[in-house]
Amino acid sequence: DVKEMSWRFWRQGWQENWTDTGHQPEGVELTLTME
């Protein structure tokens, strides 16, 4: 019953998309919107 899911990634500020696939973020935010 999950309607939507969105990620954000932290490295010197929040980023909507992670494109630096050779490195890892320092923090991750997950937002779940239920039915």
PDB file of all heavy atoms in Angstrom:
ATOM      1  N   ASP A   1       0.828  -1.216   0.000  1.00  0.00           N
ATOM      2  CA  ASP A   1       0.000   0.000   0.000  1.00  0.00           C
ATOM      3  C   ASP A   1       0.857   1.259   0.000  1.00  0.00           C
ATOM      4  O   ASP A   1       0.563   2.242   0.700  1.00  0.00           O
ATOM      5  CB  ASP A   1      -0.953   0.017   1.198  1.00  0.00           C
ATOM      6  CG  ASP A   1      -1.954  -1.128   1.166  1.00  0.00           C
ATOM      7  OD1 ASP A   1      -2.263  -1.604   0.060  1.00  0.00           O
ATOM      8  OD2 ASP A   1      -2.424  -1.547   2.242  1.00  0.00           O
ATOM      9  N   VAL A   2       1.925   1.247  -0.795  1.00  0.00           N
ATOM     10  CA  VAL A   2       2.775   2.424  -0.942  1.00  0.00           C
ATOM     11  C   VAL A   2       2.390   3.132  -2.243  1.00  0.00           C
ATOM     12  O   VAL A   2       2.461   2.545  -3.323  1.00  0.00           O
ATOM     13  CB  VAL A   2       4.270   2.053  -0.971  1.00  0.00           C
ATOM     14  CG1 VAL A   2       5.132   3.305  -1.070  1.00  0.00           C
ATOM     15  CG2 VAL A   2       4.639   1.251   0.268  1.00  0.00           C
ATOM     16  N   LYS A   3       1.991   4.384  -2.141  1.00  0.00           N
ATOM     17  CA  LYS A   3       1.548   5.135  -3.310  1.00  0.00           C
ATOM     18  C   LYS A   3       2.722   5.763  -4.053  1.00  0.00           C
ATOM     19  O   LYS A   3       2.819   5.667  -5.275  1.00  0.00           O
ATOM     20  CB  LYS A   3       0.563   6.227  -2.880  1.00  0.00           C
ATOM     21  CG  LYS A   3      -0.033   7.011  -4.041  1.00  0.00           C
ATOM     22  CD  LYS A   3      -1.035   8.039  -3.523  1.00  0.00           C
ATOM     23  CE  LYS A   3      -1.642   8.839  -4.671  1.00  0.00           C
ATOM     24  NZ  LYS A   3      -2.614   9.849  -4.169  1.00  0.00           N
ATOM     25  N   GLU A   4       3.633   6.409  -3.326  1.00  0.00           N
ATOM     26  CA  GLU A   4       4.777   7.077  -3.929  1.00  0.00           C
ATOM     27  C   GLU A   4       6.002   6.886  -3.040  1.00  0.00           C
ATOM     28  O   GLU A   4       5.890   6.687  -1.826  1.00  0.00           O
ATOM     29  CB  GLU A   4       4.508   8.574  -4.130  1.00  0.00           C
ATOM     30  CG  GLU A   4       3.410   8.887  -5.125  1.00  0.00           C
ATOM     31  CD  GLU A   4       3.169  10.377  -5.256  1.00  0.00           C
ATOM     32  OE1 GLU A   4       3.799  11.140  -4.485  1.00  0.00           O
ATOM     33  OE2 GLU A   4       2.353  10.785  -6.100  1.00  0.00           O
ATOM     34  N   MET A   5       7.177   6.977  -3.686  1.00  0.00           N
ATOM     35  CA  MET A   5       8.438   6.881  -2.965  1.00  0.00           C
ATOM     36  C   MET A   5       9.428   7.837  -3.601  1.00  0.00           C
ATOM     37  O   MET A   5       9.507   7.937  -4.830  1.00  0.00           O
ATOM     38  CB  MET A   5       8.979   5.450  -3.007  1.00  0.00           C
ATOM     39  CG  MET A   5      10.321   5.276  -2.313  1.00  0.00           C
ATOM     40  SD  MET A   5      10.901   3.552  -2.298  1.00  0.00           S
ATOM     41  CE  MET A   5      11.321   3.318  -4.024  1.00  0.00           C
ATOM     42  N   SER A   6      10.176   8.567  -2.789  1.00  0.00           N
ATOM     43  CA  SER A   6      11.178   9.492  -3.314  1.00  0.00           C
ATOM     44  C   SER A   6      12.422   9.453  -2.434  1.00  0.00           C
ATOM     45  O   SER A   6      12.338   9.254  -1.215  1.00  0.00           O
ATOM     46  CB  SER A   6      10.630  10.924  -3.388  1.00  0.00           C
ATOM     47  OG  SER A   6      10.280  11.395  -2.104  1.00  0.00           O
ATOM     48  N   TRP A   7      13.577   9.635  -3.075  1.00  0.00           N
ATOM     49  CA  TRP A   7      14.864   9.602  -2.390  1.00  0.00           C
ATOM     50  C   TRP A   7      15.502  10.992  -2.433  1.00  0.00           C
ATOM     51  O   TRP A   7      15.287  11.765  -3.363  1.00  0.00           O
ATOM     52  CB  TRP A   7      15.825   8.611  -3.037  1.00  0.00           C
ATOM     53  CG  TRP A   7      15.372   7.188  -3.061  1.00  0.00           C
ATOM     54  CD1 TRP A   7      14.721   6.553  -4.081  1.00  0.00           C
ATOM     55  CD2 TRP A   7      15.558   6.219  -2.033  1.00  0.00           C
ATOM     56  NE1 TRP A   7      14.480   5.240  -3.758  1.00  0.00           N
ATOM     57  CE2 TRP A   7      14.980   5.000  -2.501  1.00  0.00           C
ATOM     58  CE3 TRP A   7      16.141   6.238  -0.770  1.00  0.00           C
ATOM     59  CZ2 TRP A   7      14.980   3.839  -1.751  1.00  0.00           C
ATOM     60  CZ3 TRP A   7      16.142   5.082  -0.029  1.00  0.00           C
ATOM     61  CH2 TRP A   7      15.565   3.894  -0.513  1.00  0.00           C
ATOM     62  N   ARG A   8      16.344  11.261  -1.443  1.00  0.00           N
ATOM     63  CA  ARG A   8      17.274  12.388  -1.469  1.00  0.00           C
ATOM     64  C   ARG A   8      18.587  11.922  -0.854  1.00  0.00           C
ATOM     65  O   ARG A   8      18.604  11.058   0.028  1.00  0.00           O
ATOM     66  CB  ARG A   8      16.732  13.600  -0.700  1.00  0.00           C
ATOM     67  CG  ARG A   8      15.607  14.316  -1.407  1.00  0.00           C
ATOM     68  CD  ARG A   8      15.495  15.781  -0.953  1.00  0.00           C
ATOM     69  NE  ARG A   8      15.409  15.919   0.489  1.00  0.00           N
ATOM     70  CZ  ARG A   8      15.507  17.107   1.123  1.00  0.00           C
ATOM     71  NH1 ARG A   8      15.700  18.213   0.428  1.00  0.00           N
ATOM     72  NH2 ARG A   8      15.404  17.156   2.447  1.00  0.00           N
ATOM     73  N   PHE A   9      19.682  12.519  -1.304  1.00  0.00           N
ATOM     74  CA  PHE A   9      21.006  12.066  -0.887  1.00  0.00           C
ATOM     75  C   PHE A   9      21.817  13.270  -0.410  1.00  0.00           C
ATOM     76  O   PHE A   9      21.750  14.354  -0.996  1.00  0.00           O
ATOM     77  CB  PHE A   9      21.711  11.364  -2.054  1.00  0.00           C
ATOM     78  CG  PHE A   9      20.859  10.308  -2.714  1.00  0.00           C
ATOM     79  CD1 PHE A   9      20.112  10.612  -3.848  1.00  0.00           C
ATOM     80  CD2 PHE A   9      20.772   9.030  -2.189  1.00  0.00           C
ATOM     81  CE1 PHE A   9      19.317   9.656  -4.451  1.00  0.00           C
ATOM     82  CE2 PHE A   9      19.969   8.073  -2.785  1.00  0.00           C
ATOM     83  CZ  PHE A   9      19.244   8.387  -3.918  1.00  0.00           C
ATOM     84  N   TRP A  10      22.584  13.051   0.656  1.00  0.00           N
ATOM     85  CA  TRP A  10      23.339  14.144   1.266  1.00  0.00           C
ATOM     86  C   TRP A  10      24.828  14.015   0.983  1.00  0.00           C
ATOM     87  O   TRP A  10      25.440  12.982   1.235  1.00  0.00           O
ATOM     88  CB  TRP A  10      23.127  14.159   2.779  1.00  0.00           C
ATOM     89  CG  TRP A  10      23.993  15.187   3.471  1.00  0.00           C
ATOM     90  CD1 TRP A  10      25.232  14.981   4.013  1.00  0.00           C
ATOM     91  CD2 TRP A  10      23.684  16.562   3.673  1.00  0.00           C
ATOM     92  NE1 TRP A  10      25.711  16.141   4.544  1.00  0.00           N
ATOM     93  CE2 TRP A  10      24.782  17.132   4.352  1.00  0.00           C
ATOM     94  CE3 TRP A  10      22.584  17.353   3.356  1.00  0.00           C
ATOM     95  CZ2 TRP A  10      24.813  18.479   4.720  1.00  0.00           C
ATOM     96  CZ3 TRP A  10      22.606  18.688   3.723  1.00  0.00           C
ATOM     97  CH2 TRP A  10      23.710  19.242   4.390  1.00  0.00           C
ATOM     98  N   ARG A  11      25.389  15.054   0.427  1.00  0.00           N
ATOM     99  CA  ARG A  11      26.832  15.264   0.369  1.00  0.00           C
ATOM    100  C   ARG A  11      27.045  16.755   0.117  1.00  0.00           C
ATOM    101  O   ARG A  11      26.810  17.241  -0.983  1.00  0.00           O
ATOM    102  CB  ARG A  11      27.515  14.447  -0.724  1.00  0.00           C
ATOM    103  CG  ARG A  11      29.030  14.739  -0.776  1.00  0.00           C
ATOM    104  CD  ARG A  11      29.706  14.157  -1.979  1.00  0.00           C
ATOM    105  NE  ARG A  11      30.009  12.756  -1.796  1.00  0.00           N
ATOM    106  CZ  ARG A  11      30.598  12.017  -2.724  1.00  0.00           C
ATOM    107  NH1 ARG A  11      30.899  12.532  -3.900  1.00  0.00           N
ATOM    108  NH2 ARG A  11      30.848  10.738  -2.492  1.00  0.00           N
ATOM    109  N   GLN A  12      27.440  17.444   1.153  1.00  0.00           N
ATOM    110  CA  GLN A  12      27.574  18.899   1.110  1.00  0.00           C
ATOM    111  C   GLN A  12      26.259  19.550   0.678  1.00  0.00           C
ATOM    112  O   GLN A  12      26.240  20.544  -0.056  1.00  0.00           O
ATOM    113  CB  GLN A  12      28.716  19.306   0.164  1.00  0.00           C
ATOM    114  CG  GLN A  12      30.064  18.760   0.583  1.00  0.00           C
ATOM    115  CD  GLN A  12      31.174  19.145  -0.368  1.00  0.00           C
ATOM    116  OE1 GLN A  12      30.917  19.717  -1.437  1.00  0.00           O
ATOM    117  NE2 GLN A  12      32.403  18.851   0.009  1.00  0.00           N
ATOM    118  N   GLY A  13      25.161  18.981   1.064  1.00  0.00           N
ATOM    119  CA  GLY A  13      23.838  19.476   0.707  1.00  0.00           C
ATOM    120  C   GLY A  13      22.984  18.357   0.137  1.00  0.00           C
ATOM    121  O   GLY A  13      23.498  17.314  -0.294  1.00  0.00           O
ATOM    122  N   TRP A  14      21.664  18.553   0.154  1.00  0.00           N
ATOM    123  CA  TRP A  14      20.750  17.531  -0.331  1.00  0.00           C
ATOM    124  C   TRP A  14      20.693  17.529  -1.856  1.00  0.00           C
ATOM    125  O   TRP A  14      20.660  18.581  -2.492  1.00  0.00           O
ATOM    126  CB  TRP A  14      19.345  17.748   0.230  1.00  0.00           C
ATOM    127  CG  TRP A  14      19.216  17.376   1.674  1.00  0.00           C
ATOM    128  CD1 TRP A  14      19.055  18.218   2.723  1.00  0.00           C
ATOM    129  CD2 TRP A  14      19.240  16.052   2.225  1.00  0.00           C
ATOM    130  NE1 TRP A  14      18.975  17.510   3.895  1.00  0.00           N
ATOM    131  CE2 TRP A  14      19.082  16.178   3.630  1.00  0.00           C
ATOM    132  CE3 TRP A  14      19.381  14.781   1.671  1.00  0.00           C
ATOM    133  CZ2 TRP A  14      19.065  15.090   4.487  1.00  0.00           C
ATOM    134  CZ3 TRP A  14      19.360  13.686   2.530  1.00  0.00           C
ATOM    135  CH2 TRP A  14      19.207  13.848   3.908  1.00  0.00           C
ATOM    136  N   GLN A  15      20.667  16.329  -2.442  1.00  0.00           N
ATOM    137  CA  GLN A  15      20.580  16.145  -3.883  1.00  0.00           C
ATOM    138  C   GLN A  15      19.385  15.253  -4.198  1.00  0.00           C
ATOM    139  O   GLN A  15      19.194  14.229  -3.551  1.00  0.00           O
ATOM    140  CB  GLN A  15      21.861  15.509  -4.434  1.00  0.00           C
ATOM    141  CG  GLN A  15      23.132  16.265  -4.070  1.00  0.00           C
ATOM    142  CD  GLN A  15      24.386  15.554  -4.540  1.00  0.00           C
ATOM    143  OE1 GLN A  15      24.360  14.814  -5.536  1.00  0.00           O
ATOM    144  NE2 GLN A  15      25.491  15.767  -3.839  1.00  0.00           N
ATOM    145  N   GLU A  16      18.610  15.651  -5.216  1.00  0.00           N
ATOM    146  CA  GLU A  16      17.436  14.875  -5.610  1.00  0.00           C
ATOM    147  C   GLU A  16      17.830  13.579  -6.319  1.00  0.00           C
ATOM    148  O   GLU A  16      17.132  12.561  -6.206  1.00  0.00           O
ATOM    149  CB  GLU A  16      16.530  15.707  -6.510  1.00  0.00           C
ATOM    150  CG  GLU A  16      16.006  16.983  -5.871  1.00  0.00           C
ATOM    151  CD  GLU A  16      15.051  16.708  -4.719  1.00  0.00           C
ATOM    152  OE1 GLU A  16      14.429  15.629  -4.721  1.00  0.00           O
ATOM    153  OE2 GLU A  16      14.937  17.571  -3.831  1.00  0.00           O
ATOM    154  N   ASN A  17      18.933  13.592  -7.056  1.00  0.00           N
ATOM    155  CA  ASN A  17      19.390  12.428  -7.815  1.00  0.00           C
ATOM    156  C   ASN A  17      20.861  12.179  -7.516  1.00  0.00           C
ATOM    157  O   ASN A  17      21.641  13.131  -7.308  1.00  0.00           O
ATOM    158  CB  ASN A  17      19.186  12.635  -9.318  1.00  0.00           C
ATOM    159  CG  ASN A  17      17.731  12.831  -9.684  1.00  0.00           C
ATOM    160  OD1 ASN A  17      16.905  11.940  -9.515  1.00  0.00           O
ATOM    161  ND2 ASN A  17      17.394  14.023 -10.166  1.00  0.00           N
ATOM    162  N   TRP A  18      21.235  10.904  -7.509  1.00  0.00           N
ATOM    163  CA  TRP A  18      22.626  10.529  -7.249  1.00  0.00           C
ATOM    164  C   TRP A  18      23.259  10.063  -8.561  1.00  0.00           C
ATOM    165  O   TRP A  18      22.877   9.041  -9.111  1.00  0.00           O
ATOM    166  CB  TRP A  18      22.708   9.434  -6.198  1.00  0.00           C
ATOM    167  CG  TRP A  18      24.119   9.156  -5.774  1.00  0.00           C
ATOM    168  CD1 TRP A  18      24.903   8.113  -6.150  1.00  0.00           C
ATOM    169  CD2 TRP A  18      24.903   9.971  -4.899  1.00  0.00           C
ATOM    170  NE1 TRP A  18      26.135   8.219  -5.557  1.00  0.00           N
ATOM    171  CE2 TRP A  18      26.174   9.350  -4.780  1.00  0.00           C
ATOM    172  CE3 TRP A  18      24.670  11.165  -4.214  1.00  0.00           C
ATOM    173  CZ2 TRP A  18      27.184   9.885  -4.000  1.00  0.00           C
ATOM    174  CZ3 TRP A  18      25.684  11.690  -3.434  1.00  0.00           C
ATOM    175  CH2 TRP A  18      26.928  11.050  -3.325  1.00  0.00           C
ATOM    176  N   THR A  19      24.225  10.851  -9.039  1.00  0.00           N
ATOM    177  CA  THR A  19      24.869  10.546 -10.319  1.00  0.00           C
ATOM    178  C   THR A  19      26.315  10.099 -10.160  1.00  0.00           C
ATOM    179  O   THR A  19      26.884   9.516 -11.085  1.00  0.00           O
ATOM    180  CB  THR A  19      24.831  11.785 -11.227  1.00  0.00           C
ATOM    181  OG1 THR A  19      25.456  12.902 -10.555  1.00  0.00           O
ATOM    182  CG2 THR A  19      23.383  12.160 -11.552  1.00  0.00           C
ATOM    183  N   ASP A  20      26.914  10.338  -8.997  1.00  0.00           N
ATOM    184  CA  ASP A  20      28.305   9.944  -8.760  1.00  0.00           C
ATOM    185  C   ASP A  20      28.332   8.489  -8.306  1.00  0.00           C
ATOM    186  O   ASP A  20      28.495   8.184  -7.121  1.00  0.00           O
ATOM    187  CB  ASP A  20      28.933  10.865  -7.722  1.00  0.00           C
ATOM    188  CG  ASP A  20      30.439  10.675  -7.606  1.00  0.00           C
ATOM    189  OD1 ASP A  20      30.986   9.859  -8.375  1.00  0.00           O
ATOM    190  OD2 ASP A  20      31.056  11.325  -6.742  1.00  0.00           O
ATOM    191  N   THR A  21      28.164   7.583  -9.270  1.00  0.00           N
ATOM    192  CA  THR A  21      28.001   6.167  -8.921  1.00  0.00           C
ATOM    193  C   THR A  21      29.266   5.521  -8.378  1.00  0.00           C
ATOM    194  O   THR A  21      29.204   4.429  -7.831  1.00  0.00           O
ATOM    195  CB  THR A  21      27.529   5.378 -10.155  1.00  0.00           C
ATOM    196  OG1 THR A  21      28.497   5.526 -11.214  1.00  0.00           O
ATOM    197  CG2 THR A  21      26.181   5.896 -10.637  1.00  0.00           C
ATOM    198  N   GLY A  22      30.404   6.170  -8.536  1.00  0.00           N
ATOM    199  CA  GLY A  22      31.643   5.613  -8.005  1.00  0.00           C
ATOM    200  C   GLY A  22      31.862   5.924  -6.539  1.00  0.00           C
ATOM    201  O   GLY A  22      32.828   5.439  -5.947  1.00  0.00           O
ATOM    202  N   HIS A  23      30.994   6.730  -5.938  1.00  0.00           N
ATOM    203  CA  HIS A  23      31.103   7.093  -4.527  1.00  0.00           C
ATOM    204  C   HIS A  23      29.748   6.914  -3.851  1.00  0.00           C
ATOM    205  O   HIS A  23      28.737   6.697  -4.514  1.00  0.00           O
ATOM    206  CB  HIS A  23      31.599   8.537  -4.369  1.00  0.00           C
ATOM    207  CG  HIS A  23      32.960   8.764  -4.938  1.00  0.00           C
ATOM    208  ND1 HIS A  23      33.158   9.050  -6.270  1.00  0.00           N
ATOM    209  CD2 HIS A  23      34.197   8.744  -4.364  1.00  0.00           C
ATOM    210  CE1 HIS A  23      34.451   9.202  -6.496  1.00  0.00           C
ATOM    211  NE2 HIS A  23      35.107   9.019  -5.366  1.00  0.00           N
ATOM    212  N   GLN A  24      29.764   7.062  -2.529  1.00  0.00           N
ATOM    213  CA  GLN A  24      28.549   6.846  -1.748  1.00  0.00           C
ATOM    214  C   GLN A  24      28.128   8.141  -1.063  1.00  0.00           C
ATOM    215  O   GLN A  24      28.981   8.949  -0.686  1.00  0.00           O
ATOM    216  CB  GLN A  24      28.779   5.746  -0.701  1.00  0.00           C
ATOM    217  CG  GLN A  24      29.171   4.419  -1.307  1.00  0.00           C
ATOM    218  CD  GLN A  24      29.307   3.321  -0.272  1.00  0.00           C
ATOM    219  OE1 GLN A  24      28.789   2.228  -0.448  1.00  0.00           O
ATOM    220  NE2 GLN A  24      29.988   3.598   0.824  1.00  0.00           N
ATOM    221  N   PRO A  25      26.830   8.345  -0.889  1.00  0.00           N
ATOM    222  CA  PRO A  25      26.371   9.521  -0.137  1.00  0.00           C
ATOM    223  C   PRO A  25      26.682   9.371   1.342  1.00  0.00           C
ATOM    224  O   PRO A  25      26.905   8.275   1.846  1.00  0.00           O
ATOM    225  CB  PRO A  25      24.865   9.534  -0.405  1.00  0.00           C
ATOM    226  CG  PRO A  25      24.519   8.105  -0.662  1.00  0.00           C
ATOM    227  CD  PRO A  25      25.708   7.516  -1.369  1.00  0.00           C
ATOM    228  N   GLU A  26      26.671  10.501   2.035  1.00  0.00           N
ATOM    229  CA  GLU A  26      26.908  10.483   3.478  1.00  0.00           C
ATOM    230  C   GLU A  26      25.607  10.376   4.274  1.00  0.00           C
ATOM    231  O   GLU A  26      25.638  10.158   5.486  1.00  0.00           O
ATOM    232  CB  GLU A  26      27.660  11.745   3.883  1.00  0.00           C
ATOM    233  CG  GLU A  26      29.040  11.835   3.226  1.00  0.00           C
ATOM    234  CD  GLU A  26      29.724  13.156   3.519  1.00  0.00           C
ATOM    235  OE1 GLU A  26      29.079  14.025   4.160  1.00  0.00           O
ATOM    236  OE2 GLU A  26      30.888  13.321   3.115  1.00  0.00           O
ATOM    237  N   GLY A  27      24.501  10.536   3.587  1.00  0.00           N
ATOM    238  CA  GLY A  27      23.192  10.399   4.215  1.00  0.00           C
ATOM    239  C   GLY A  27      22.140  10.146   3.153  1.00  0.00           C
ATOM    240  O   GLY A  27      22.306  10.530   1.992  1.00  0.00           O
ATOM    241  N   VAL A  28      21.070   9.486   3.551  1.00  0.00           N
ATOM    242  CA  VAL A  28      19.980   9.150   2.622  1.00  0.00           C
ATOM    243  C   VAL A  28      18.651   9.480   3.289  1.00  0.00           C
ATOM    244  O   VAL A  28      18.456   9.159   4.468  1.00  0.00           O
ATOM    245  CB  VAL A  28      20.019   7.662   2.213  1.00  0.00           C
ATOM    246  CG1 VAL A  28      18.850   7.336   1.294  1.00  0.00           C
ATOM    247  CG2 VAL A  28      21.332   7.323   1.530  1.00  0.00           C
ATOM    248  N   GLU A  29      17.771  10.109   2.523  1.00  0.00           N
ATOM    249  CA  GLU A  29      16.420  10.397   3.007  1.00  0.00           C
ATOM    250  C   GLU A  29      15.419   9.667   2.128  1.00  0.00           C
ATOM    251  O   GLU A  29      15.484   9.749   0.907  1.00  0.00           O
ATOM    252  CB  GLU A  29      16.135  11.898   2.971  1.00  0.00           C
ATOM    253  CG  GLU A  29      14.718  12.259   3.396  1.00  0.00           C
ATOM    254  CD  GLU A  29      14.362  13.697   3.064  1.00  0.00           C
ATOM    255  OE1 GLU A  29      13.949  13.967   1.909  1.00  0.00           O
ATOM    256  OE2 GLU A  29      14.507  14.548   3.960  1.00  0.00           O
ATOM    257  N   LEU A  30      14.479   8.979   2.750  1.00  0.00           N
ATOM    258  CA  LEU A  30      13.419   8.263   2.029  1.00  0.00           C
ATOM    259  C   LEU A  30      12.073   8.789   2.508  1.00  0.00           C
ATOM    260  O   LEU A  30      11.809   8.831   3.710  1.00  0.00           O
ATOM    261  CB  LEU A  30      13.510   6.756   2.281  1.00  0.00           C
ATOM    262  CG  LEU A  30      12.353   5.906   1.728  1.00  0.00           C
ATOM    263  CD1 LEU A  30      12.250   6.019   0.217  1.00  0.00           C
ATOM    264  CD2 LEU A  30      12.497   4.448   2.145  1.00  0.00           C
ATOM    265  N   THR A  31      11.225   9.184   1.552  1.00  0.00           N
ATOM    266  CA  THR A  31       9.872   9.641   1.855  1.00  0.00           C
ATOM    267  C   THR A  31       8.879   8.687   1.214  1.00  0.00           C
ATOM    268  O   THR A  31       8.916   8.462   0.000  1.00  0.00           O
ATOM    269  CB  THR A  31       9.631  11.068   1.344  1.00  0.00           C
ATOM    270  OG1 THR A  31      10.607  11.953   1.918  1.00  0.00           O
ATOM    271  CG2 THR A  31       8.236  11.549   1.722  1.00  0.00           C
ATOM    272  N   LEU A  32       7.997   8.109   2.028  1.00  0.00           N
ATOM    273  CA  LEU A  32       6.977   7.186   1.568  1.00  0.00           C
ATOM    274  C   LEU A  32       5.600   7.809   1.766  1.00  0.00           C
ATOM    275  O   LEU A  32       5.285   8.282   2.861  1.00  0.00           O
ATOM    276  CB  LEU A  32       7.045   5.861   2.338  1.00  0.00           C
ATOM    277  CG  LEU A  32       8.323   5.028   2.193  1.00  0.00           C
ATOM    278  CD1 LEU A  32       8.279   3.844   3.139  1.00  0.00           C
ATOM    279  CD2 LEU A  32       8.507   4.554   0.763  1.00  0.00           C
ATOM    280  N   THR A  33       4.805   7.799   0.709  1.00  0.00           N
ATOM    281  CA  THR A  33       3.418   8.239   0.787  1.00  0.00           C
ATOM    282  C   THR A  33       2.526   7.017   0.641  1.00  0.00           C
ATOM    283  O   THR A  33       2.581   6.322  -0.373  1.00  0.00           O
ATOM    284  CB  THR A  33       3.085   9.263  -0.310  1.00  0.00           C
ATOM    285  OG1 THR A  33       3.982  10.373  -0.202  1.00  0.00           O
ATOM    286  CG2 THR A  33       1.662   9.761  -0.175  1.00  0.00           C
ATOM    287  N   MET A  34       1.723   6.747   1.673  1.00  0.00           N
ATOM    288  CA  MET A  34       0.908   5.549   1.688  1.00  0.00           C
ATOM    289  C   MET A  34      -0.434   5.791   1.007  1.00  0.00           C
ATOM    290  O   MET A  34      -0.836   6.925   0.741  1.00  0.00           O
ATOM    291  CB  MET A  34       0.695   5.083   3.130  1.00  0.00           C
ATOM    292  CG  MET A  34       1.980   5.021   3.958  1.00  0.00           C
ATOM    293  SD  MET A  34       3.249   3.955   3.244  1.00  0.00           S
ATOM    294  CE  MET A  34       2.463   2.357   3.453  1.00  0.00           C
ATOM    295  N   GLU A  35      -1.139   4.708   0.709  1.00  0.00           N
ATOM    296  CA  GLU A  35      -2.434   4.795   0.047  1.00  0.00           C
ATOM    297  C   GLU A  35      -3.464   5.520   0.911  1.00  0.00           C
ATOM    298  O   GLU A  35      -4.388   6.165   0.394  1.00  0.00           O
ATOM    299  CB  GLU A  35      -2.949   3.388  -0.295  1.00  0.00           C
ATOM    300  CG  GLU A  35      -2.126   2.649  -1.351  1.00  0.00           C
ATOM    301  CD  GLU A  35      -2.345   3.203  -2.751  1.00  0.00           C
ATOM    302  OE1 GLU A  35      -3.237   4.051  -2.917  1.00  0.00           O
ATOM    303  OE2 GLU A  35      -1.631   2.780  -3.671  1.00  0.00           O
TER     304      GLU A  35
END
